Amino acid sequence: MRFLPSIFLFVLAAPLTTLTPGCSDMQGSTSGEQLFVLHCASCHPGGSNTITPSKTLQTADLQANMITTPEDIVGKMRTPGPGMPKFTDAMIPEKEALRIGKYILNTFR
């Protein structure tokens, strides 16, 4: 019981840490890897493709499909082919989508 006031204050103060400068990573942004895990990894685990196995995120497969830049990846996210859901700017803002694209190109070689 003697810790109850401390716990109460912690619960009240916890939301304030998100408003404090320096408490977020990368100037308030999420990393490309975190965004990939959140939005892409369920269908592209380890850079594979569970829907269309021949279209992985490996460099050779991306290049064979004319995808060579982060912008190309964002274009595919915005206007996907069959089997892939569309990710609008409202769902994944442009800066975050570009982080995902850069992460894919740098990770799955």
PDB file of N, CA and C in Angstrom:
ATOM      1  N   MET A   1       0.812  -1.207   0.000  1.00  0.00           N
ATOM      2  CA  MET A   1       0.000   0.000   0.000  1.00  0.00           C
ATOM      3  C   MET A   1       0.852   1.266   0.000  1.00  0.00           C
ATOM      4  N   ARG A   2       2.027   1.188   0.612  1.00  0.00           N
ATOM      5  CA  ARG A   2       2.824   2.413   0.678  1.00  0.00           C
ATOM      6  C   ARG A   2       3.362   2.835  -0.690  1.00  0.00           C
ATOM      7  N   PHE A   3       3.374   1.914  -1.683  1.00  0.00           N
ATOM      8  CA  PHE A   3       3.839   2.253  -3.018  1.00  0.00           C
ATOM      9  C   PHE A   3       2.725   2.780  -3.907  1.00  0.00           C
ATOM     10  N   LEU A   4       1.511   2.704  -3.462  1.00  0.00           N
ATOM     11  CA  LEU A   4       0.368   3.108  -4.265  1.00  0.00           C
ATOM     12  C   LEU A   4       0.474   4.558  -4.750  1.00  0.00           C
ATOM     13  N   PRO A   5       0.841   5.532  -3.902  1.00  0.00           N
ATOM     14  CA  PRO A   5       0.977   6.903  -4.411  1.00  0.00           C
ATOM     15  C   PRO A   5       2.047   7.015  -5.497  1.00  0.00           C
ATOM     16  N   SER A   6       3.139   6.283  -5.374  1.00  0.00           N
ATOM     17  CA  SER A   6       4.200   6.330  -6.383  1.00  0.00           C
ATOM     18  C   SER A   6       3.721   5.760  -7.703  1.00  0.00           C
ATOM     19  N   ILE A   7       3.006   4.668  -7.648  1.00  0.00           N
ATOM     20  CA  ILE A   7       2.482   4.045  -8.860  1.00  0.00           C
ATOM     21  C   ILE A   7       1.477   4.987  -9.525  1.00  0.00           C
ATOM     22  N   PHE A   8       0.637   5.611  -8.717  1.00  0.00           N
ATOM     23  CA  PHE A   8      -0.355   6.546  -9.239  1.00  0.00           C
ATOM     24  C   PHE A   8       0.327   7.705  -9.978  1.00  0.00           C
ATOM     25  N   LEU A   9       1.363   8.287  -9.394  1.00  0.00           N
ATOM     26  CA  LEU A   9       2.083   9.392 -10.024  1.00  0.00           C
ATOM     27  C   LEU A   9       2.763   8.940 -11.313  1.00  0.00           C
ATOM     28  N   PHE A  10       3.334   7.727 -11.306  1.00  0.00           N
ATOM     29  CA  PHE A  10       3.975   7.208 -12.507  1.00  0.00           C
ATOM     30  C   PHE A  10       2.966   7.079 -13.650  1.00  0.00           C
ATOM     31  N   VAL A  11       1.801   6.533 -13.349  1.00  0.00           N
ATOM     32  CA  VAL A  11       0.767   6.354 -14.367  1.00  0.00           C
ATOM     33  C   VAL A  11       0.317   7.704 -14.922  1.00  0.00           C
ATOM     34  N   LEU A  12       0.217   8.697 -14.067  1.00  0.00           N
ATOM     35  CA  LEU A  12      -0.178  10.029 -14.526  1.00  0.00           C
ATOM     36  C   LEU A  12       0.910  10.692 -15.361  1.00  0.00           C
ATOM     37  N   ALA A  13       2.172  10.496 -15.001  1.00  0.00           N
ATOM     38  CA  ALA A  13       3.279  11.169 -15.669  1.00  0.00           C
ATOM     39  C   ALA A  13       3.746  10.455 -16.931  1.00  0.00           C
ATOM     40  N   ALA A  14       3.474   9.182 -17.088  1.00  0.00           N
ATOM     41  CA  ALA A  14       3.972   8.407 -18.224  1.00  0.00           C
ATOM     42  C   ALA A  14       3.621   9.023 -19.578  1.00  0.00           C
ATOM     43  N   PRO A  15       2.386   9.472 -19.809  1.00  0.00           N
ATOM     44  CA  PRO A  15       2.080  10.060 -21.117  1.00  0.00           C
ATOM     45  C   PRO A  15       2.876  11.322 -21.424  1.00  0.00           C
ATOM     46  N   LEU A  16       3.343  12.024 -20.416  1.00  0.00           N
ATOM     47  CA  LEU A  16       4.099  13.249 -20.644  1.00  0.00           C
ATOM     48  C   LEU A  16       5.440  12.994 -21.301  1.00  0.00           C
ATOM     49  N   THR A  17       5.994  11.789 -21.145  1.00  0.00           N
ATOM     50  CA  THR A  17       7.296  11.504 -21.746  1.00  0.00           C
ATOM     51  C   THR A  17       7.231  11.543 -23.259  1.00  0.00           C
ATOM     52  N   THR A  18       6.082  11.290 -23.848  1.00  0.00           N
ATOM     53  CA  THR A  18       5.973  11.347 -25.306  1.00  0.00           C
ATOM     54  C   THR A  18       5.971  12.783 -25.805  1.00  0.00           C
ATOM     55  N   LEU A  19       5.745  13.729 -24.927  1.00  0.00           N
ATOM     56  CA  LEU A  19       5.743  15.136 -25.312  1.00  0.00           C
ATOM     57  C   LEU A  19       7.070  15.814 -25.030  1.00  0.00           C
ATOM     58  N   THR A  20       7.969  15.125 -24.376  1.00  0.00           N
ATOM     59  CA  THR A  20       9.240  15.707 -23.990  1.00  0.00           C
ATOM     60  C   THR A  20      10.231  15.616 -25.135  1.00  0.00           C
ATOM     61  N   PRO A  21      10.898  16.738 -25.508  1.00  0.00           N
ATOM     62  CA  PRO A  21      11.893  16.669 -26.575  1.00  0.00           C
ATOM     63  C   PRO A  21      12.981  15.655 -26.219  1.00  0.00           C
ATOM     64  N   GLY A  22      13.409  14.898 -27.236  1.00  0.00           N
ATOM     65  CA  GLY A  22      14.461  13.925 -27.018  1.00  0.00           C
ATOM     66  C   GLY A  22      13.962  12.557 -26.605  1.00  0.00           C
ATOM     67  N   CYS A  23      12.674  12.406 -26.370  1.00  0.00           N
ATOM     68  CA  CYS A  23      12.141  11.106 -25.961  1.00  0.00           C
ATOM     69  C   CYS A  23      11.761  10.237 -27.154  1.00  0.00           C
ATOM     70  N   SER A  24      11.758  10.790 -28.337  1.00  0.00           N
ATOM     71  CA  SER A  24      11.447   9.985 -29.507  1.00  0.00           C
ATOM     72  C   SER A  24      12.726   9.736 -30.298  1.00  0.00           C
ATOM     73  N   ASP A  25      12.714   8.659 -31.077  1.00  0.00           N
ATOM     74  CA  ASP A  25      13.900   8.353 -31.866  1.00  0.00           C
ATOM     75  C   ASP A  25      13.825   9.037 -33.216  1.00  0.00           C
ATOM     76  N   MET A  26      14.975   9.339 -33.798  1.00  0.00           N
ATOM     77  CA  MET A  26      15.081   9.897 -35.138  1.00  0.00           C
ATOM     78  C   MET A  26      14.156  11.091 -35.350  1.00  0.00           C
ATOM     79  N   GLN A  27      14.181  12.037 -34.460  1.00  0.00           N
ATOM     80  CA  GLN A  27      13.386  13.251 -34.568  1.00  0.00           C
ATOM     81  C   GLN A  27      11.900  12.950 -34.729  1.00  0.00           C
ATOM     82  N   GLY A  28      11.398  12.038 -33.906  1.00  0.00           N
ATOM     83  CA  GLY A  28       9.975  11.744 -33.909  1.00  0.00           C
ATOM     84  C   GLY A  28       9.544  10.764 -34.979  1.00  0.00           C
ATOM     85  N   SER A  29      10.487  10.082 -35.590  1.00  0.00           N
ATOM     86  CA  SER A  29      10.121   9.166 -36.662  1.00  0.00           C
ATOM     87  C   SER A  29      10.391   7.722 -36.267  1.00  0.00           C
ATOM     88  N   THR A  30       9.884   6.838 -37.065  1.00  0.00           N
ATOM     89  CA  THR A  30      10.067   5.413 -36.870  1.00  0.00           C
ATOM     90  C   THR A  30      11.042   4.926 -37.930  1.00  0.00           C
ATOM     91  N   SER A  31      11.905   3.985 -37.577  1.00  0.00           N
ATOM     92  CA  SER A  31      12.906   3.498 -38.528  1.00  0.00           C
ATOM     93  C   SER A  31      12.257   2.707 -39.657  1.00  0.00           C
ATOM     94  N   GLY A  32      12.987   2.605 -40.755  1.00  0.00           N
ATOM     95  CA  GLY A  32      12.510   1.823 -41.888  1.00  0.00           C
ATOM     96  C   GLY A  32      12.275   0.375 -41.512  1.00  0.00           C
ATOM     97  N   GLU A  33      13.149  -0.166 -40.677  1.00  0.00           N
ATOM     98  CA  GLU A  33      12.979  -1.556 -40.240  1.00  0.00           C
ATOM     99  C   GLU A  33      11.700  -1.718 -39.428  1.00  0.00           C
ATOM    100  N   GLN A  34      11.447  -0.800 -38.500  1.00  0.00           N
ATOM    101  CA  GLN A  34      10.228  -0.880 -37.693  1.00  0.00           C
ATOM    102  C   GLN A  34       8.984  -0.759 -38.566  1.00  0.00           C
ATOM    103  N   LEU A  35       9.028   0.142 -39.527  1.00  0.00           N
ATOM    104  CA  LEU A  35       7.893   0.325 -40.433  1.00  0.00           C
ATOM    105  C   LEU A  35       7.689  -0.906 -41.310  1.00  0.00           C
ATOM    106  N   PHE A  36       8.799  -1.500 -41.775  1.00  0.00           N
ATOM    107  CA  PHE A  36       8.711  -2.720 -42.579  1.00  0.00           C
ATOM    108  C   PHE A  36       8.053  -3.833 -41.775  1.00  0.00           C
ATOM    109  N   VAL A  37       8.490  -4.003 -40.539  1.00  0.00           N
ATOM    110  CA  VAL A  37       7.906  -5.042 -39.683  1.00  0.00           C
ATOM    111  C   VAL A  37       6.417  -4.788 -39.488  1.00  0.00           C
ATOM    112  N   LEU A  38       6.052  -3.548 -39.277  1.00  0.00           N
ATOM    113  CA  LEU A  38       4.659  -3.193 -39.033  1.00  0.00           C
ATOM    114  C   LEU A  38       3.763  -3.402 -40.258  1.00  0.00           C
ATOM    115  N   HIS A  39       4.249  -2.987 -41.422  1.00  0.00           N
ATOM    116  CA  HIS A  39       3.383  -2.964 -42.604  1.00  0.00           C
ATOM    117  C   HIS A  39       3.650  -4.063 -43.632  1.00  0.00           C
ATOM    118  N   CYS A  40       4.854  -4.630 -43.654  1.00  0.00           N
ATOM    119  CA  CYS A  40       5.244  -5.475 -44.785  1.00  0.00           C
ATOM    120  C   CYS A  40       5.637  -6.906 -44.431  1.00  0.00           C
ATOM    121  N   ALA A  41       6.189  -7.100 -43.254  1.00  0.00           N
ATOM    122  CA  ALA A  41       6.817  -8.378 -42.918  1.00  0.00           C
ATOM    123  C   ALA A  41       5.853  -9.557 -42.894  1.00  0.00           C
ATOM    124  N   SER A  42       4.579  -9.314 -42.694  1.00  0.00           N
ATOM    125  CA  SER A  42       3.650 -10.450 -42.657  1.00  0.00           C
ATOM    126  C   SER A  42       3.577 -11.152 -44.020  1.00  0.00           C
ATOM    127  N   CYS A  43       3.726 -10.421 -45.104  1.00  0.00           N
ATOM    128  CA  CYS A  43       3.732 -11.027 -46.443  1.00  0.00           C
ATOM    129  C   CYS A  43       5.141 -11.160 -47.014  1.00  0.00           C
ATOM    130  N   HIS A  44       6.094 -10.419 -46.441  1.00  0.00           N
ATOM    131  CA  HIS A  44       7.474 -10.421 -46.943  1.00  0.00           C
ATOM    132  C   HIS A  44       8.475 -10.763 -45.846  1.00  0.00           C
ATOM    133  N   PRO A  45       8.271 -11.876 -45.138  1.00  0.00           N
ATOM    134  CA  PRO A  45       9.217 -12.216 -44.060  1.00  0.00           C
ATOM    135  C   PRO A  45      10.617 -12.491 -44.621  1.00  0.00           C
ATOM    136  N   GLY A  46      11.598 -11.827 -44.071  1.00  0.00           N
ATOM    137  CA  GLY A  46      12.972 -12.025 -44.529  1.00  0.00           C
ATOM    138  C   GLY A  46      13.195 -11.640 -45.979  1.00  0.00           C
ATOM    139  N   GLY A  47      12.324 -10.803 -46.520  1.00  0.00           N
ATOM    140  CA  GLY A  47      12.457 -10.369 -47.906  1.00  0.00           C
ATOM    141  C   GLY A  47      11.823 -11.324 -48.909  1.00  0.00           C
ATOM    142  N   SER A  48      11.160 -12.351 -48.428  1.00  0.00           N
ATOM    143  CA  SER A  48      10.491 -13.291 -49.338  1.00  0.00           C
ATOM    144  C   SER A  48       9.135 -12.712 -49.753  1.00  0.00           C
ATOM    145  N   ASN A  49       8.321 -13.533 -50.392  1.00  0.00           N
ATOM    146  CA  ASN A  49       6.987 -13.103 -50.796  1.00  0.00           C
ATOM    147  C   ASN A  49       6.065 -14.305 -50.645  1.00  0.00           C
ATOM    148  N   THR A  50       5.186 -14.253 -49.670  1.00  0.00           N
ATOM    149  CA  THR A  50       4.308 -15.390 -49.397  1.00  0.00           C
ATOM    150  C   THR A  50       3.157 -15.506 -50.392  1.00  0.00           C
ATOM    151  N   ILE A  51       2.856 -14.448 -51.123  1.00  0.00           N
ATOM    152  CA  ILE A  51       1.758 -14.458 -52.093  1.00  0.00           C
ATOM    153  C   ILE A  51       2.260 -14.868 -53.481  1.00  0.00           C
ATOM    154  N   THR A  52       3.324 -14.206 -53.934  1.00  0.00           N
ATOM    155  CA  THR A  52       3.932 -14.510 -55.240  1.00  0.00           C
ATOM    156  C   THR A  52       5.416 -14.797 -54.998  1.00  0.00           C
ATOM    157  N   PRO A  53       5.761 -16.049 -54.727  1.00  0.00           N
ATOM    158  CA  PRO A  53       7.134 -16.397 -54.345  1.00  0.00           C
ATOM    159  C   PRO A  53       8.218 -15.957 -55.329  1.00  0.00           C
ATOM    160  N   SER A  54       7.890 -15.774 -56.589  1.00  0.00           N
ATOM    161  CA  SER A  54       8.895 -15.360 -57.566  1.00  0.00           C
ATOM    162  C   SER A  54       9.212 -13.867 -57.496  1.00  0.00           C
ATOM    163  N   LYS A  55       8.415 -13.105 -56.756  1.00  0.00           N
ATOM    164  CA  LYS A  55       8.637 -11.659 -56.647  1.00  0.00           C
ATOM    165  C   LYS A  55       9.071 -11.312 -55.227  1.00  0.00           C
ATOM    166  N   THR A  56      10.315 -11.655 -54.907  1.00  0.00           N
ATOM    167  CA  THR A  56      10.846 -11.359 -53.579  1.00  0.00           C
ATOM    168  C   THR A  56      11.346  -9.924 -53.531  1.00  0.00           C
ATOM    169  N   LEU A  57      11.875  -9.549 -52.395  1.00  0.00           N
ATOM    170  CA  LEU A  57      12.462  -8.221 -52.232  1.00  0.00           C
ATOM    171  C   LEU A  57      13.975  -8.243 -52.431  1.00  0.00           C
ATOM    172  N   GLN A  58      14.484  -9.355 -52.941  1.00  0.00           N
ATOM    173  CA  GLN A  58      15.905  -9.457 -53.241  1.00  0.00           C
ATOM    174  C   GLN A  58      16.221  -8.576 -54.452  1.00  0.00           C
ATOM    175  N   THR A  59      17.419  -8.023 -54.478  1.00  0.00           N
ATOM    176  CA  THR A  59      17.807  -7.073 -55.517  1.00  0.00           C
ATOM    177  C   THR A  59      17.536  -7.600 -56.926  1.00  0.00           C
ATOM    178  N   ALA A  60      17.922  -8.845 -57.202  1.00  0.00           N
ATOM    179  CA  ALA A  60      17.741  -9.392 -58.556  1.00  0.00           C
ATOM    180  C   ALA A  60      16.262  -9.412 -58.952  1.00  0.00           C
ATOM    181  N   ASP A  61      15.396  -9.816 -58.046  1.00  0.00           N
ATOM    182  CA  ASP A  61      13.958  -9.846 -58.353  1.00  0.00           C
ATOM    183  C   ASP A  61      13.391  -8.443 -58.512  1.00  0.00           C
ATOM    184  N   LEU A  62      13.825  -7.522 -57.653  1.00  0.00           N
ATOM    185  CA  LEU A  62      13.351  -6.140 -57.781  1.00  0.00           C
ATOM    186  C   LEU A  62      13.775  -5.553 -59.122  1.00  0.00           C
ATOM    187  N   GLN A  63      15.048  -5.746 -59.486  1.00  0.00           N
ATOM    188  CA  GLN A  63      15.542  -5.202 -60.755  1.00  0.00           C
ATOM    189  C   GLN A  63      14.820  -5.830 -61.948  1.00  0.00           C
ATOM    190  N   ALA A  64      14.503  -7.123 -61.861  1.00  0.00           N
ATOM    191  CA  ALA A  64      13.779  -7.785 -62.944  1.00  0.00           C
ATOM    192  C   ALA A  64      12.384  -7.183 -63.137  1.00  0.00           C
ATOM    193  N   ASN A  65      11.881  -6.560 -62.082  1.00  0.00           N
ATOM    194  CA  ASN A  65      10.561  -5.915 -62.141  1.00  0.00           C
ATOM    195  C   ASN A  65      10.668  -4.395 -62.221  1.00  0.00           C
ATOM    196  N   MET A  66      11.854  -3.908 -62.629  1.00  0.00           N
ATOM    197  CA  MET A  66      12.098  -2.473 -62.831  1.00  0.00           C
ATOM    198  C   MET A  66      11.952  -1.657 -61.554  1.00  0.00           C
ATOM    199  N   ILE A  67      12.306  -2.240 -60.429  1.00  0.00           N
ATOM    200  CA  ILE A  67      12.253  -1.547 -59.146  1.00  0.00           C
ATOM    201  C   ILE A  67      13.691  -1.405 -58.656  1.00  0.00           C
ATOM    202  N   THR A  68      14.210  -0.169 -58.698  1.00  0.00           N
ATOM    203  CA  THR A  68      15.621   0.044 -58.357  1.00  0.00           C
ATOM    204  C   THR A  68      15.857   1.165 -57.350  1.00  0.00           C
ATOM    205  N   THR A  69      14.820   1.928 -57.024  1.00  0.00           N
ATOM    206  CA  THR A  69      14.977   3.062 -56.112  1.00  0.00           C
ATOM    207  C   THR A  69      13.918   2.990 -55.013  1.00  0.00           C
ATOM    208  N   PRO A  70      14.140   3.719 -53.918  1.00  0.00           N
ATOM    209  CA  PRO A  70      13.087   3.789 -52.890  1.00  0.00           C
ATOM    210  C   PRO A  70      11.774   4.321 -53.462  1.00  0.00           C
ATOM    211  N   GLU A  71      11.865   5.262 -54.387  1.00  0.00           N
ATOM    212  CA  GLU A  71      10.666   5.817 -55.016  1.00  0.00           C
ATOM    213  C   GLU A  71       9.907   4.754 -55.808  1.00  0.00           C
ATOM    214  N   ASP A  72      10.653   3.837 -56.455  1.00  0.00           N
ATOM    215  CA  ASP A  72      10.001   2.734 -57.172  1.00  0.00           C
ATOM    216  C   ASP A  72       9.220   1.844 -56.210  1.00  0.00           C
ATOM    217  N   ILE A  73       9.809   1.601 -55.049  1.00  0.00           N
ATOM    218  CA  ILE A  73       9.133   0.769 -54.050  1.00  0.00           C
ATOM    219  C   ILE A  73       7.875   1.462 -53.549  1.00  0.00           C
ATOM    220  N   VAL A  74       7.980   2.771 -53.303  1.00  0.00           N
ATOM    221  CA  VAL A  74       6.805   3.529 -52.875  1.00  0.00           C
ATOM    222  C   VAL A  74       5.727   3.477 -53.964  1.00  0.00           C
ATOM    223  N   GLY A  75       6.148   3.580 -55.210  1.00  0.00           N
ATOM    224  CA  GLY A  75       5.188   3.477 -56.313  1.00  0.00           C
ATOM    225  C   GLY A  75       4.452   2.145 -56.300  1.00  0.00           C
ATOM    226  N   LYS A  76       5.166   1.070 -56.000  1.00  0.00           N
ATOM    227  CA  LYS A  76       4.547  -0.257 -55.930  1.00  0.00           C
ATOM    228  C   LYS A  76       3.614  -0.337 -54.722  1.00  0.00           C
ATOM    229  N   MET A  77       3.979   0.322 -53.634  1.00  0.00           N
ATOM    230  CA  MET A  77       3.112   0.348 -52.451  1.00  0.00           C
ATOM    231  C   MET A  77       1.810   1.099 -52.760  1.00  0.00           C
ATOM    232  N   ARG A  78       1.928   2.170 -53.528  1.00  0.00           N
ATOM    233  CA  ARG A  78       0.760   3.005 -53.840  1.00  0.00           C
ATOM    234  C   ARG A  78      -0.117   2.392 -54.936  1.00  0.00           C
ATOM    235  N   THR A  79       0.517   1.698 -55.895  1.00  0.00           N
ATOM    236  CA  THR A  79      -0.205   1.076 -57.001  1.00  0.00           C
ATOM    237  C   THR A  79       0.301  -0.358 -57.141  1.00  0.00           C
ATOM    238  N   PRO A  80      -0.140  -1.233 -56.264  1.00  0.00           N
ATOM    239  CA  PRO A  80       0.382  -2.605 -56.264  1.00  0.00           C
ATOM    240  C   PRO A  80      -0.243  -3.475 -57.353  1.00  0.00           C
ATOM    241  N   GLY A  81       0.399  -4.598 -57.543  1.00  0.00           N
ATOM    242  CA  GLY A  81      -0.149  -5.587 -58.467  1.00  0.00           C
ATOM    243  C   GLY A  81      -1.122  -6.501 -57.739  1.00  0.00           C
ATOM    244  N   PRO A  82      -1.573  -7.533 -58.435  1.00  0.00           N
ATOM    245  CA  PRO A  82      -2.517  -8.489 -57.837  1.00  0.00           C
ATOM    246  C   PRO A  82      -1.934  -9.147 -56.579  1.00  0.00           C
ATOM    247  N   GLY A  83      -2.767  -9.249 -55.568  1.00  0.00           N
ATOM    248  CA  GLY A  83      -2.376  -9.938 -54.346  1.00  0.00           C
ATOM    249  C   GLY A  83      -1.774  -9.047 -53.275  1.00  0.00           C
ATOM    250  N   MET A  84      -1.397  -7.819 -53.634  1.00  0.00           N
ATOM    251  CA  MET A  84      -0.790  -6.910 -52.656  1.00  0.00           C
ATOM    252  C   MET A  84      -1.773  -5.792 -52.316  1.00  0.00           C
ATOM    253  N   PRO A  85      -1.947  -5.515 -51.020  1.00  0.00           N
ATOM    254  CA  PRO A  85      -2.851  -4.416 -50.660  1.00  0.00           C
ATOM    255  C   PRO A  85      -2.249  -3.060 -51.023  1.00  0.00           C
ATOM    256  N   LYS A  86      -3.110  -2.109 -51.249  1.00  0.00           N
ATOM    257  CA  LYS A  86      -2.685  -0.746 -51.566  1.00  0.00           C
ATOM    258  C   LYS A  86      -2.404  -0.002 -50.259  1.00  0.00           C
ATOM    259  N   PHE A  87      -1.271   0.687 -50.202  1.00  0.00           N
ATOM    260  CA  PHE A  87      -0.907   1.496 -49.041  1.00  0.00           C
ATOM    261  C   PHE A  87      -0.960   2.970 -49.454  1.00  0.00           C
ATOM    262  N   THR A  88      -2.027   3.641 -49.086  1.00  0.00           N
ATOM    263  CA  THR A  88      -2.203   5.046 -49.448  1.00  0.00           C
ATOM    264  C   THR A  88      -1.305   5.932 -48.592  1.00  0.00           C
ATOM    265  N   ASP A  89      -1.191   7.186 -49.007  1.00  0.00           N
ATOM    266  CA  ASP A  89      -0.417   8.164 -48.241  1.00  0.00           C
ATOM    267  C   ASP A  89      -1.020   8.379 -46.860  1.00  0.00           C
ATOM    268  N   ALA A  90      -2.320   8.203 -46.746  1.00  0.00           N
ATOM    269  CA  ALA A  90      -2.962   8.329 -45.434  1.00  0.00           C
ATOM    270  C   ALA A  90      -2.571   7.177 -44.510  1.00  0.00           C
ATOM    271  N   MET A  91      -2.325   6.014 -45.099  1.00  0.00           N
ATOM    272  CA  MET A  91      -1.930   4.848 -44.311  1.00  0.00           C
ATOM    273  C   MET A  91      -0.444   4.894 -43.937  1.00  0.00           C
ATOM    274  N   ILE A  92       0.388   5.209 -44.915  1.00  0.00           N
ATOM    275  CA  ILE A  92       1.837   5.322 -44.718  1.00  0.00           C
ATOM    276  C   ILE A  92       2.278   6.614 -45.399  1.00  0.00           C
ATOM    277  N   PRO A  93       2.544   7.659 -44.623  1.00  0.00           N
ATOM    278  CA  PRO A  93       2.977   8.928 -45.211  1.00  0.00           C
ATOM    279  C   PRO A  93       4.249   8.757 -46.062  1.00  0.00           C
ATOM    280  N   GLU A  94       4.435   9.648 -47.001  1.00  0.00           N
ATOM    281  CA  GLU A  94       5.531   9.559 -47.974  1.00  0.00           C
ATOM    282  C   GLU A  94       6.904   9.365 -47.327  1.00  0.00           C
ATOM    283  N   LYS A  95       7.207  10.142 -46.303  1.00  0.00           N
ATOM    284  CA  LYS A  95       8.525  10.012 -45.661  1.00  0.00           C
ATOM    285  C   LYS A  95       8.719   8.620 -45.069  1.00  0.00           C
ATOM    286  N   GLU A  96       7.678   8.080 -44.467  1.00  0.00           N
ATOM    287  CA  GLU A  96       7.773   6.746 -43.886  1.00  0.00           C
ATOM    288  C   GLU A  96       7.872   5.687 -44.980  1.00  0.00           C
ATOM    289  N   ALA A  97       7.122   5.864 -46.056  1.00  0.00           N
ATOM    290  CA  ALA A  97       7.178   4.919 -47.172  1.00  0.00           C
ATOM    291  C   ALA A  97       8.589   4.899 -47.777  1.00  0.00           C
ATOM    292  N   LEU A  98       9.206   6.065 -47.895  1.00  0.00           N
ATOM    293  CA  LEU A  98      10.575   6.124 -48.413  1.00  0.00           C
ATOM    294  C   LEU A  98      11.559   5.438 -47.467  1.00  0.00           C
ATOM    295  N   ARG A  99      11.326   5.538 -46.167  1.00  0.00           N
ATOM    296  CA  ARG A  99      12.174   4.822 -45.210  1.00  0.00           C
ATOM    297  C   ARG A  99      12.067   3.316 -45.419  1.00  0.00           C
ATOM    298  N   ILE A 100      10.852   2.848 -45.667  1.00  0.00           N
ATOM    299  CA  ILE A 100      10.653   1.424 -45.949  1.00  0.00           C
ATOM    300  C   ILE A 100      11.416   1.051 -47.216  1.00  0.00           C
ATOM    301  N   GLY A 101      11.288   1.854 -48.252  1.00  0.00           N
ATOM    302  CA  GLY A 101      11.984   1.585 -49.510  1.00  0.00           C
ATOM    303  C   GLY A 101      13.492   1.514 -49.334  1.00  0.00           C
ATOM    304  N   LYS A 102      14.039   2.457 -48.596  1.00  0.00           N
ATOM    305  CA  LYS A 102      15.492   2.457 -48.349  1.00  0.00           C
ATOM    306  C   LYS A 102      15.897   1.233 -47.541  1.00  0.00           C
ATOM    307  N   TYR A 103      15.100   0.886 -46.556  1.00  0.00           N
ATOM    308  CA  TYR A 103      15.390  -0.295 -45.745  1.00  0.00           C
ATOM    309  C   TYR A 103      15.411  -1.551 -46.621  1.00  0.00           C
ATOM    310  N   ILE A 104      14.429  -1.705 -47.483  1.00  0.00           N
ATOM    311  CA  ILE A 104      14.359  -2.878 -48.356  1.00  0.00           C
ATOM    312  C   ILE A 104      15.597  -2.955 -49.244  1.00  0.00           C
ATOM    313  N   LEU A 105      15.949  -1.849 -49.894  1.00  0.00           N
ATOM    314  CA  LEU A 105      17.089  -1.862 -50.808  1.00  0.00           C
ATOM    315  C   LEU A 105      18.405  -2.120 -50.091  1.00  0.00           C
ATOM    316  N   ASN A 106      18.528  -1.670 -48.857  1.00  0.00           N
ATOM    317  CA  ASN A 106      19.771  -1.864 -48.105  1.00  0.00           C
ATOM    318  C   ASN A 106      19.852  -3.197 -47.385  1.00  0.00           C
ATOM    319  N   THR A 107      18.729  -3.858 -47.219  1.00  0.00           N
ATOM    320  CA  THR A 107      18.694  -5.071 -46.401  1.00  0.00           C
ATOM    321  C   THR A 107      18.644  -6.353 -47.217  1.00  0.00           C
ATOM    322  N   PHE A 108      17.803  -6.385 -48.228  1.00  0.00           N
ATOM    323  CA  PHE A 108      17.582  -7.622 -48.975  1.00  0.00           C
ATOM    324  C   PHE A 108      18.352  -7.561 -50.289  1.00  0.00           C
ATOM    325  N   ARG A 109      19.587  -8.039 -50.253  1.00  0.00           N
ATOM    326  CA  ARG A 109      20.466  -7.951 -51.435  1.00  0.00           C
ATOM    327  C   ARG A 109      20.588  -9.245 -52.148  1.00  0.00           C
TER     328      ARG A 109
END
